[in-house]
């Protein structure tokens, strides 16, 4: 008999064997029990989380002659011949994404099922369909025959047109928890008599990143060896890193053991450990230490503030990596910051001793006031408030359109590629003669952009000879500010310039001119006036 890979051999055959998606399966069970079968479903979520398997179980269950609480009975003629059933049609949209394939479906759905109650179309990776194919599918999804059920599966729900989504019942599959993956792997290794240590099992579950299919594929690959699978083999084969190695690295930081630290980092690099996985495990260790400080008041050498700084700096590394930079170089430099310099205390003592001998006082430099662009993190919220206020007080649509026209050229001329990557998905939401509001969908990107305000300002002036100050906020925050602005217009609340009185406030608009005023600032298709 031909060998069958583990993820195929242990593919779920009823709802009870679908791991980690209890909420979705309970809804599908009830719909079958109450005979409320929709004409179209869409299953979205990361790879390997059970979308296609659930689709097949559901297709089998709605055609089962004796359905049970777990879905299909797996004993009747319909269940036994499910794989050969001509009424269950599976289509891979990645390779069949043209309008002709969809038209063929449209022509065939008119035919009644040959053997079953329902003819089921399972379209995997549906987001790969072309625009014309989606348009062809649209009318069919609107009013299909009663004997037709569509089950669409996708790993990229954002790429599916809203017109398709609105005609389907949507089920969002989530990454499977590590504990659930471990339990399933434990069952499989017991059934297959695979020898593996518990540490190795846990590491496989961890590096599979919530995908049970990936976990089974890794186990399948390692099980070809006759000896017991250890965590060392998992790490060496798949570029992983153990908790023990992370703990050892933190120990060198706390003990200021620079030589051992340097050797460990070089070893991780030689083992080709994925730096993203390394950073992820470092962040989990930082979380563990931070919780210990806050919960049990246990401080192992680094304060909560230092741990927080380390976490954000490590997370930022991913945004600065390109093909010319060694990620481990940045990681090592970042972590070295938290190791105490062995000579620093001696140097301070020597300065103090010299001052005593010469009977002079050490010179203490007065702190230089920071420019507004270099405000501390705790003050950035104040700067955001001020610049949004000042921008909206004097904003105009002409300035907005002018800056939008210049923005692509500005991004193309950036020498800093990391900054370019941050700004490429950033939009200009509003602009006055001296301030522009930038929006981005990600909180992390917004924070990084606000750290580069001075750089953006100087580069913009150099390119266009225009003095502009910038501030970045999330798209969600911008929607809130826009509503506040409109309400202020309705209530005749004037905008008073704050902190940077560079321009005079415009004359307050009349109440019956609210819509006209708002349209002078925002794009017409991006604002609604109630």
Protein backbone atom coordinates (compact mmCIF):
# COMPACT_ATOMS: atom_id res chain seq x y z
CA UNK A 1 0.00 0.00 0.00
CA UNK A 2 1.29 3.47 -0.86
CA UNK A 3 2.49 5.58 2.04
CA UNK A 4 0.16 8.41 2.98
CA UNK A 5 1.61 11.52 4.62
CA UNK A 6 0.43 12.19 8.15
CA UNK A 7 -1.60 15.32 7.49
CA UNK A 8 -3.63 13.40 4.87
CA UNK A 9 -3.89 10.24 6.93
CA UNK A 10 -5.20 12.13 9.95
CA UNK A 11 -7.44 14.57 8.10
CA UNK A 12 -10.68 15.07 10.11
CA UNK A 13 -13.67 12.96 9.02
CA UNK A 14 -16.25 14.51 11.37
CA UNK A 15 -16.69 17.70 13.39
CA UNK A 16 -15.32 16.18 16.62
CA UNK A 17 -11.91 15.58 15.01
CA UNK A 18 -11.53 19.21 13.82
CA UNK A 19 -9.02 20.73 16.24
CA UNK A 20 -9.22 24.21 17.75
CA UNK A 21 -12.27 25.57 15.85
CA UNK A 22 -15.07 24.63 18.27
CA UNK A 23 -17.11 27.81 17.74
CA UNK A 24 -17.26 27.36 13.96
CA UNK A 25 -18.08 23.66 14.12
CA UNK A 26 -20.84 24.21 16.69
CA UNK A 27 -22.58 26.69 14.36
CA UNK A 28 -22.30 24.30 11.41
CA UNK A 29 -23.61 21.42 13.53
CA UNK A 30 -26.67 23.44 14.53
CA UNK A 31 -27.36 24.55 10.97
CA UNK A 32 -27.45 20.88 9.89
CA UNK A 33 -29.53 19.87 12.91
CA UNK A 34 -32.08 22.62 12.22
CA UNK A 35 -32.01 22.13 8.43
CA UNK A 36 -30.86 25.72 7.88
CA UNK A 37 -28.32 25.25 5.12
CA UNK A 38 -27.13 28.45 3.46
CA UNK A 39 -26.35 28.59 -0.23
CA UNK A 40 -22.85 30.05 0.30
CA UNK A 41 -20.16 30.02 3.00
CA UNK A 42 -16.71 31.56 3.14
CA UNK A 43 -14.00 30.14 5.44
CA UNK A 44 -11.07 32.49 6.04
CA UNK A 45 -7.94 32.15 8.16
CA UNK A 46 -4.24 31.20 8.20
CA UNK A 47 -2.96 28.14 6.39
CA UNK A 48 -3.27 24.75 8.05
CA UNK A 49 -6.07 25.71 10.45
CA UNK A 50 -8.74 23.38 9.05
CA UNK A 51 -10.65 25.42 6.45
CA UNK A 52 -10.64 22.84 3.64
CA UNK A 53 -11.06 19.93 6.08
CA UNK A 54 -14.10 21.61 7.65
CA UNK A 55 -15.52 22.30 4.19
CA UNK A 56 -15.23 18.60 3.29
CA UNK A 57 -16.75 17.43 6.58
CA UNK A 58 -19.64 19.88 6.14
CA UNK A 59 -20.19 18.79 2.53
CA UNK A 60 -20.23 15.16 3.66
CA UNK A 61 -22.57 15.92 6.58
CA UNK A 62 -25.27 17.75 4.58
CA UNK A 63 -25.43 14.80 2.17
CA UNK A 64 -25.22 12.10 4.87
CA UNK A 65 -28.23 9.75 5.02
CA UNK A 66 -27.95 9.41 8.82
CA UNK A 67 -26.32 12.58 10.20
CA UNK A 68 -25.21 12.57 13.85
CA UNK A 69 -24.27 15.25 16.39
CA UNK A 70 -20.70 15.01 15.05
CA UNK A 71 -21.84 15.53 11.47
CA UNK A 72 -21.53 12.65 9.01
CA UNK A 73 -22.11 9.08 10.20
CA UNK A 74 -19.25 7.78 7.99
CA UNK A 75 -21.16 4.51 7.47
CA UNK A 76 -23.88 5.20 4.89
CA UNK A 77 -23.44 4.90 1.13
CA UNK A 78 -23.11 8.66 0.72
CA UNK A 79 -20.30 8.86 3.30
CA UNK A 80 -18.50 5.76 2.03
CA UNK A 81 -18.42 7.07 -1.55
CA UNK A 82 -17.75 10.70 -0.66
CA UNK A 83 -14.29 10.83 -2.27
CA UNK A 84 -15.67 9.52 -5.57
CA UNK A 85 -18.90 11.55 -5.40
CA UNK A 86 -19.34 13.55 -8.61
CA UNK A 87 -21.60 15.99 -6.76
CA UNK A 88 -18.68 17.24 -4.61
CA UNK A 89 -16.53 19.46 -6.81
CA UNK A 90 -13.23 20.84 -5.49
CA UNK A 91 -11.59 23.69 -7.40
CA UNK A 92 -8.21 25.29 -6.76
CA UNK A 93 -8.66 28.95 -7.67
CA UNK A 94 -4.89 29.46 -7.75
CA UNK A 95 -4.67 27.45 -10.98
CA UNK A 96 -8.27 27.85 -12.21
CA UNK A 97 -8.82 31.56 -11.74
CA UNK A 98 -10.20 32.61 -15.12
CA UNK A 99 -13.70 33.59 -16.12
CA UNK A 100 -14.04 30.49 -18.34
CA UNK A 101 -13.75 28.15 -15.34
CA UNK A 102 -16.47 30.09 -13.50
CA UNK A 103 -18.72 30.07 -16.57
CA UNK A 104 -18.36 26.29 -16.68
CA UNK A 105 -19.56 26.15 -13.06
CA UNK A 106 -22.51 28.42 -13.91
CA UNK A 107 -23.54 26.11 -16.75
CA UNK A 108 -23.24 22.98 -14.58
CA UNK A 109 -25.16 24.19 -11.54
CA UNK A 110 -28.38 24.03 -13.49
CA UNK A 111 -28.06 20.24 -13.49
CA UNK A 112 -29.52 18.44 -10.46
CA UNK A 113 -27.18 16.35 -8.26
CA UNK A 114 -26.59 12.85 -9.59
CA UNK A 115 -26.34 11.00 -6.27
CA UNK A 116 -26.74 13.48 -3.43
CA UNK A 117 -29.14 15.98 -1.90
CA UNK A 118 -26.74 18.88 -2.52
CA UNK A 119 -24.18 19.58 -5.18
CA UNK A 120 -21.30 21.24 -3.32
CA UNK A 121 -18.61 23.44 -4.86
CA UNK A 122 -15.50 23.87 -2.67
CA UNK A 123 -13.35 26.68 -4.12
CA UNK A 124 -9.98 26.87 -2.36
CA UNK A 125 -7.87 30.07 -2.34
CA UNK A 126 -10.84 31.93 -3.79
CA UNK A 127 -9.03 35.28 -3.49
CA UNK A 128 -6.91 34.23 -6.48
CA UNK A 129 -9.87 34.55 -8.87
CA UNK A 130 -9.58 37.32 -11.44
CA UNK A 131 -11.89 40.34 -11.32
CA UNK A 132 -13.89 39.07 -14.29
CA UNK A 133 -14.20 35.65 -12.64
CA UNK A 134 -15.53 37.25 -9.45
CA UNK A 135 -18.05 39.23 -11.49
CA UNK A 136 -19.20 36.05 -13.22
CA UNK A 137 -19.59 34.29 -9.86
CA UNK A 138 -21.50 37.19 -8.32
CA UNK A 139 -24.89 36.60 -9.95
CA UNK A 140 -24.70 32.87 -9.27
CA UNK A 141 -24.07 33.51 -5.58
CA UNK A 142 -27.03 35.91 -5.51
CA UNK A 143 -29.69 33.31 -6.34
CA UNK A 144 -28.29 29.80 -6.92
CA UNK A 145 -30.56 26.77 -7.32
CA UNK A 146 -31.77 25.17 -4.08
CA UNK A 147 -29.57 22.11 -4.58
CA UNK A 148 -26.31 24.12 -4.78
CA UNK A 149 -23.98 24.99 -1.87
CA UNK A 150 -20.81 27.03 -2.36
CA UNK A 151 -17.97 26.81 0.19
CA UNK A 152 -15.22 29.33 -0.49
CA UNK A 153 -11.89 29.12 1.37
CA UNK A 154 -9.20 31.80 1.53
CA UNK A 155 -6.08 32.81 3.42
CA UNK A 156 -6.49 36.44 2.29
CA UNK A 157 -10.01 37.64 3.06
CA UNK A 158 -9.06 41.27 2.28
CA UNK A 159 -8.62 40.35 -1.40
CA UNK A 160 -12.17 39.03 -1.73
CA UNK A 161 -14.61 41.68 -3.04
CA UNK A 162 -17.18 42.90 -0.52
CA UNK A 163 -19.93 42.03 -3.00
CA UNK A 164 -18.91 38.37 -2.67
CA UNK A 165 -18.54 38.51 1.12
CA UNK A 166 -21.98 40.04 1.59
CA UNK A 167 -23.57 37.04 -0.11
CA UNK A 168 -21.85 34.43 2.08
CA UNK A 169 -21.97 33.31 5.69
CA UNK A 170 -18.48 34.13 6.96
CA UNK A 171 -16.45 31.91 9.31
CA UNK A 172 -13.07 33.18 10.53
CA UNK A 173 -10.68 30.37 11.46
CA UNK A 174 -7.99 31.21 14.01
CA UNK A 175 -4.51 29.87 14.61
CA UNK A 176 -4.64 26.67 16.64
CA UNK A 177 -3.22 26.99 20.15
CA UNK A 178 0.04 25.27 21.04
CA UNK A 179 -1.73 23.10 23.63
CA UNK A 180 -4.25 21.85 21.06
CA UNK A 181 -1.48 21.08 18.57
CA UNK A 182 0.50 19.20 21.24
CA UNK A 183 -2.54 17.10 22.13
CA UNK A 184 -3.14 16.19 18.48
CA UNK A 185 0.55 15.39 17.87
CA UNK A 186 0.61 13.23 21.02
CA UNK A 187 -2.31 11.24 19.62
CA UNK A 188 -0.60 10.83 16.24
CA UNK A 189 2.77 9.71 17.64
CA UNK A 190 0.99 7.16 19.82
CA UNK A 191 -0.92 5.79 16.83
CA UNK A 192 2.20 5.72 14.65
CA UNK A 193 4.58 4.46 17.38
CA UNK A 194 6.89 7.42 16.81
CA UNK A 195 9.53 7.95 19.52
CA UNK A 196 9.84 11.61 20.45
CA UNK A 197 10.68 13.60 23.57
CA UNK A 198 8.10 15.95 25.09
CA UNK A 199 10.44 18.93 24.51
CA UNK A 200 10.68 18.09 20.81
CA UNK A 201 6.90 17.75 20.58
CA UNK A 202 6.41 21.16 22.17
CA UNK A 203 9.00 22.76 19.87
CA UNK A 204 7.27 21.34 16.76
CA UNK A 205 3.99 22.78 18.00
CA UNK A 206 5.67 26.13 18.59
CA UNK A 207 7.40 26.53 15.22
CA UNK A 208 4.27 25.43 13.32
CA UNK A 209 2.85 28.87 14.27
CA UNK A 210 -0.75 27.76 14.77
CA UNK A 211 -0.94 25.50 11.70
CA UNK A 212 -1.70 21.87 12.48
CA UNK A 213 -0.89 20.78 8.93
CA UNK A 214 2.59 22.31 9.24
CA UNK A 215 3.08 20.56 12.58
CA UNK A 216 2.13 17.18 11.11
CA UNK A 217 4.40 17.77 8.10
CA UNK A 218 7.36 18.53 10.40
CA UNK A 219 6.64 15.44 12.49
CA UNK A 220 6.34 13.37 9.31
CA UNK A 221 9.71 14.56 8.05
CA UNK A 222 11.50 13.84 11.33
CA UNK A 223 9.82 10.46 11.88
CA UNK A 224 11.74 8.94 8.95
CA UNK A 225 14.64 8.47 11.39
CA UNK A 226 14.64 5.29 13.45
CA UNK A 227 16.00 6.92 16.60
CA UNK A 228 14.04 9.01 19.08
CA UNK A 229 13.30 12.56 17.91
CA UNK A 230 14.94 15.08 20.23
CA UNK A 231 14.65 18.84 20.50
CA UNK A 232 18.22 19.17 19.16
CA UNK A 233 17.12 17.50 15.92
CA UNK A 234 14.10 19.79 15.61
CA UNK A 235 16.30 22.84 16.12
CA UNK A 236 19.00 21.73 13.69
CA UNK A 237 16.54 20.75 10.94
CA UNK A 238 14.19 23.71 11.14
CA UNK A 239 16.31 26.62 12.34
CA UNK A 240 14.54 26.87 15.67
CA UNK A 241 15.86 27.93 19.06
CA UNK A 242 15.06 26.37 22.43
CA UNK A 243 13.93 28.04 25.66
CA UNK A 244 17.16 26.83 27.24
CA UNK A 245 19.22 28.73 24.66
CA UNK A 246 17.12 31.88 25.23
CA UNK A 247 17.58 31.54 29.00
CA UNK A 248 21.34 31.11 28.56
CA UNK A 249 21.48 34.24 26.41
CA UNK A 250 19.58 36.28 29.01
CA UNK A 251 21.92 34.94 31.68
CA UNK A 252 24.94 36.33 29.81
CA UNK A 253 23.20 39.74 29.58
CA UNK A 254 22.40 39.81 33.30
CA UNK A 255 25.94 38.67 34.20
CA UNK A 256 27.61 41.02 31.67
CA UNK A 257 29.41 38.03 30.15
CA UNK A 258 30.18 39.66 26.80
CA UNK A 259 32.43 36.88 25.45
CA UNK A 260 29.85 34.12 25.99
CA UNK A 261 27.10 36.42 24.69
CA UNK A 262 29.04 37.10 21.49
CA UNK A 263 29.71 33.37 20.97
CA UNK A 264 26.01 32.51 21.46
CA UNK A 265 24.88 35.11 18.91
CA UNK A 266 27.45 33.87 16.38
CA UNK A 267 26.30 30.29 17.02
CA UNK A 268 22.66 31.21 16.37
CA UNK A 269 23.72 32.83 13.11
CA UNK A 270 25.77 29.78 12.03
CA UNK A 271 22.82 27.49 12.75
CA UNK A 272 20.73 29.65 10.36
CA UNK A 273 18.10 30.25 13.03
CA UNK A 274 15.33 32.45 11.64
CA UNK A 275 15.93 35.83 13.26
CA UNK A 276 12.16 36.49 13.38
CA UNK A 277 11.64 33.32 15.42
CA UNK A 278 14.56 34.33 17.63
CA UNK A 279 13.04 37.77 18.25
CA UNK A 280 9.64 36.21 18.94
CA UNK A 281 11.09 33.94 21.63
CA UNK A 282 13.09 36.80 23.11
CA UNK A 283 9.90 38.84 23.40
CA UNK A 284 8.19 35.95 25.18
CA UNK A 285 11.09 35.74 27.64
CA UNK A 286 10.88 39.51 28.20
CA UNK A 287 7.14 39.13 28.84
CA UNK A 288 7.84 36.41 31.40
CA UNK A 289 10.37 38.61 33.25
CA UNK A 290 8.12 41.69 33.08
CA UNK A 291 5.22 39.77 34.60
CA UNK A 292 7.51 38.51 37.38
CA UNK A 293 8.47 42.10 38.21
CA UNK A 294 4.88 43.36 38.27
CA UNK A 295 3.28 40.31 39.89
CA UNK A 296 5.88 38.90 42.28
CA UNK A 297 8.26 41.88 42.50
CA UNK A 298 11.11 39.65 41.28
CA UNK A 299 13.85 41.65 39.56
CA UNK A 300 16.62 39.57 37.99
CA UNK A 301 18.82 42.52 37.05
CA UNK A 302 16.83 44.48 34.46
CA UNK A 303 14.09 46.93 35.43
CA UNK A 304 10.62 46.87 33.90
CA UNK A 305 11.48 50.04 31.95
CA UNK A 306 14.62 48.41 30.51
CA UNK A 307 12.67 45.27 29.55
CA UNK A 308 10.03 47.41 27.84
CA UNK A 309 12.70 49.32 25.89
CA UNK A 310 14.39 46.07 24.89
CA UNK A 311 11.08 44.61 23.65
CA UNK A 312 10.28 47.62 21.45
CA UNK A 313 13.83 47.85 20.09
CA UNK A 314 13.86 44.16 19.14
CA UNK A 315 10.44 44.48 17.51
CA UNK A 316 11.66 47.50 15.52
CA UNK A 317 14.52 45.48 14.00
CA UNK A 318 12.16 43.73 11.58
CA UNK A 319 11.29 47.12 10.07
CA UNK A 320 14.91 48.00 9.37
CA UNK A 321 16.09 44.75 7.79
CA UNK A 322 16.93 44.65 4.10
CA UNK A 323 19.13 42.46 1.93
CA UNK A 324 22.25 44.47 2.80
CA UNK A 325 21.93 44.21 6.58
CA UNK A 326 22.72 41.20 8.75
CA UNK A 327 19.78 40.98 11.22
CA UNK A 328 21.98 39.34 13.87
CA UNK A 329 24.32 42.31 13.73
CA UNK A 330 21.45 44.62 14.69
CA UNK A 331 20.19 42.18 17.33
CA UNK A 332 23.62 41.92 18.96
CA UNK A 333 24.16 45.68 18.99
CA UNK A 334 20.69 46.20 20.48
CA UNK A 335 21.18 43.67 23.28
CA UNK A 336 24.69 44.91 24.10
CA UNK A 337 23.08 48.16 25.21
CA UNK A 338 21.69 46.34 28.28
CA UNK A 339 25.07 44.99 29.40
CA UNK A 340 26.94 47.13 31.90
CA UNK A 341 30.35 48.46 30.85
CA UNK A 342 32.92 46.97 33.25
CA UNK A 343 35.01 50.17 33.31
CA UNK A 344 32.20 52.67 33.56
CA UNK A 345 32.01 52.72 37.37
CA UNK A 346 35.81 52.97 37.67
CA UNK A 347 35.86 55.89 35.26
CA UNK A 348 33.27 57.76 37.32
CA UNK A 349 35.22 57.09 40.53
CA UNK A 350 38.46 58.36 38.97
CA UNK A 351 36.78 61.63 37.91
CA UNK A 352 35.35 62.13 41.40
CA UNK A 353 38.73 61.39 43.06
CA UNK A 354 40.53 63.82 40.77
CA UNK A 355 38.00 66.51 41.62
CA UNK A 356 38.57 65.97 45.33
CA UNK A 357 42.39 66.10 45.03
CA UNK A 358 42.37 69.30 42.96
CA UNK A 359 39.64 70.76 45.22
CA UNK A 360 37.38 71.55 42.29
CA UNK A 361 33.80 70.62 41.59
CA UNK A 362 32.98 68.41 38.61
CA UNK A 363 31.44 70.41 35.80
CA UNK A 364 27.79 69.51 35.29
CA UNK A 365 26.52 70.43 31.87
CA UNK A 366 23.15 72.07 31.73
CA UNK A 367 20.65 69.97 29.80
CA UNK A 368 20.02 71.28 26.33
CA UNK A 369 16.32 71.72 25.65
CA UNK A 370 15.10 69.16 23.11
CA UNK A 371 13.55 70.45 19.91
CA UNK A 372 9.86 69.79 19.47
CA UNK A 373 10.57 67.07 16.92
CA UNK A 374 12.61 65.06 19.47
CA UNK A 375 10.02 64.85 22.23
CA UNK A 376 10.04 61.87 24.56
CA UNK A 377 7.57 59.06 24.00
CA UNK A 378 5.45 60.24 26.93
CA UNK A 379 5.06 63.67 25.23
CA UNK A 380 4.22 62.45 21.72
CA UNK A 381 0.48 62.35 22.49
CA UNK A 382 0.62 66.06 23.33
CA UNK A 383 2.44 66.84 20.08
CA UNK A 384 -0.14 64.82 18.12
CA UNK A 385 -2.97 66.79 19.72
CA UNK A 386 -1.31 70.15 19.01
CA UNK A 387 -0.51 69.47 15.37
CA UNK A 388 -3.90 67.95 14.56
CA UNK A 389 -5.56 70.99 16.11
CA UNK A 390 -3.31 73.47 14.28
CA UNK A 391 -3.60 71.65 10.97
CA UNK A 392 -7.41 71.50 11.06
CA UNK A 393 -7.63 75.16 12.15
CA UNK A 394 -6.07 76.28 8.87
CA UNK A 395 -6.53 73.29 6.60
CA UNK A 396 -7.53 73.60 2.96
CA UNK A 397 -8.29 71.18 0.20
CA UNK A 398 -5.88 72.95 -2.19
CA UNK A 399 -2.98 72.29 0.18
CA UNK A 400 -4.14 68.69 0.61
CA UNK A 401 -4.23 68.06 -3.15
CA UNK A 402 -0.87 69.77 -3.63
CA UNK A 403 0.83 67.62 -0.99
CA UNK A 404 -0.83 64.45 -2.30
CA UNK A 405 0.62 65.19 -5.73
CA UNK A 406 4.10 65.69 -4.28
CA UNK A 407 4.00 62.72 -1.86
CA UNK A 408 4.90 59.88 -4.34
CA UNK A 409 7.89 61.88 -5.62
CA UNK A 410 8.98 62.54 -2.03
CA UNK A 411 8.88 58.82 -1.17
CA UNK A 412 10.81 57.87 -4.32
CA UNK A 413 13.60 60.31 -3.44
CA UNK A 414 14.15 59.01 0.10
CA UNK A 415 17.63 57.61 0.67
CA UNK A 416 16.52 55.88 3.88
CA UNK A 417 14.94 52.67 2.58
CA UNK A 418 13.50 51.76 5.99
CA UNK A 419 11.70 55.10 6.12
CA UNK A 420 10.57 54.61 2.54
CA UNK A 421 8.99 51.25 3.47
CA UNK A 422 7.16 52.93 6.36
CA UNK A 423 5.80 55.81 4.29
CA UNK A 424 4.84 53.87 1.18
CA UNK A 425 1.58 52.75 2.83
CA UNK A 426 0.98 56.16 4.43
CA UNK A 427 -1.59 58.69 3.19
CA UNK A 428 -1.93 62.44 3.65
CA UNK A 429 -5.30 63.04 5.33
CA UNK A 430 -5.29 66.84 5.79
CA UNK A 431 -2.93 69.76 5.28
CA UNK A 432 -2.57 73.45 6.09
CA UNK A 433 0.16 75.80 4.86
CA UNK A 434 2.65 74.39 7.37
CA UNK A 435 1.35 71.11 8.85
CA UNK A 436 0.28 67.80 7.31
CA UNK A 437 -1.48 64.86 8.99
CA UNK A 438 -0.27 61.42 7.86
CA UNK A 439 -2.33 58.27 8.38
CA UNK A 440 -1.33 54.61 8.48
CA UNK A 441 -3.31 51.52 9.42
CA UNK A 442 -0.66 50.08 11.78
CA UNK A 443 0.09 51.42 15.27
CA UNK A 444 3.70 50.24 15.03
CA UNK A 445 4.30 52.08 11.76
CA UNK A 446 2.74 55.26 13.18
CA UNK A 447 5.07 55.14 16.19
CA UNK A 448 8.13 54.65 13.97
CA UNK A 449 7.11 57.50 11.63
CA UNK A 450 6.70 59.87 14.57
CA UNK A 451 10.28 59.09 15.57
CA UNK A 452 11.42 60.30 12.14
CA UNK A 453 9.50 63.61 11.98
CA UNK A 454 12.62 65.79 11.86
CA UNK A 455 14.11 63.64 9.10
CA UNK A 456 10.87 63.79 7.08
CA UNK A 457 10.63 67.56 7.56
CA UNK A 458 14.24 68.23 6.45
CA UNK A 459 14.07 65.92 3.46
CA UNK A 460 10.78 67.46 2.32
CA UNK A 461 12.23 70.98 2.57
CA UNK A 462 15.36 69.95 0.68
CA UNK A 463 13.32 68.47 -2.16
CA UNK A 464 10.49 71.01 -2.49
CA UNK A 465 11.81 74.04 -0.56
CA UNK A 466 8.68 73.96 1.63
CA UNK A 467 8.65 74.19 5.42
CA UNK A 468 6.24 71.50 6.50
CA UNK A 469 5.77 69.85 9.87
CA UNK A 470 4.24 66.38 9.93
CA UNK A 471 2.44 64.16 12.41
CA UNK A 472 1.30 60.55 11.98
CA UNK A 473 -1.84 58.92 13.41
CA UNK A 474 -3.73 55.69 12.74
CA UNK A 475 -6.64 55.56 10.29
CA UNK A 476 -8.96 54.88 13.23
CA UNK A 477 -7.71 57.96 15.09
CA UNK A 478 -8.18 60.07 11.95
CA UNK A 479 -11.82 58.99 11.64
CA UNK A 480 -12.38 60.09 15.24
CA UNK A 481 -10.71 63.47 14.66
CA UNK A 482 -12.74 64.04 11.50
CA UNK A 483 -16.00 63.49 13.40
CA UNK A 484 -14.82 65.87 16.15
CA UNK A 485 -14.05 68.51 13.52
CA UNK A 486 -17.51 68.23 11.94
CA UNK A 487 -19.22 68.38 15.34
CA UNK A 488 -17.21 71.48 16.21
CA UNK A 489 -18.43 73.11 13.01
CA UNK A 490 -22.02 72.26 13.87
CA UNK A 491 -21.66 73.67 17.37
CA UNK A 492 -19.65 76.71 16.26
CA UNK A 493 -16.66 75.70 18.39
CA UNK A 494 -13.60 77.59 17.04
CA UNK A 495 -10.18 75.99 16.64
CA UNK A 496 -7.60 78.04 18.57
CA UNK A 497 -3.98 77.60 17.55
CA UNK A 498 -1.89 75.87 20.20
CA UNK A 499 1.80 76.17 20.95
CA UNK A 500 2.80 77.01 17.37
CA UNK A 501 0.90 80.24 16.46
CA UNK A 502 2.35 80.52 12.97
CA UNK A 503 -0.85 81.40 11.17
CA UNK A 504 -4.12 83.12 11.88
CA UNK A 505 -7.26 81.08 12.41
CA UNK A 506 -9.74 81.21 9.57
CA UNK A 507 -13.04 82.99 10.07
CA UNK A 508 -15.58 80.66 11.69
CA UNK A 509 -17.97 79.22 9.08
CA UNK A 510 -21.70 79.68 9.37
CA UNK A 511 -23.81 76.75 10.58
CA UNK A 512 -25.53 76.33 7.20
CA UNK A 513 -22.14 76.14 5.46
CA UNK A 514 -20.86 73.09 7.35
CA UNK A 515 -20.81 70.73 4.40
CA UNK A 516 -19.11 73.27 2.15
CA UNK A 517 -16.40 73.90 4.75
CA UNK A 518 -15.77 70.20 5.36
CA UNK A 519 -15.50 69.56 1.62
CA UNK A 520 -12.90 72.31 1.38
CA UNK A 521 -10.65 70.19 3.63
CA UNK A 522 -11.49 66.54 3.00
CA UNK A 523 -11.89 64.50 -0.15
CA UNK A 524 -15.53 64.45 -1.23
CA UNK A 525 -15.70 60.64 -1.38
CA UNK A 526 -14.24 60.23 2.10
CA UNK A 527 -16.67 62.25 4.24
CA UNK A 528 -20.30 62.01 5.20
CA UNK A 529 -22.28 64.86 6.70
CA UNK A 530 -25.27 63.87 8.80
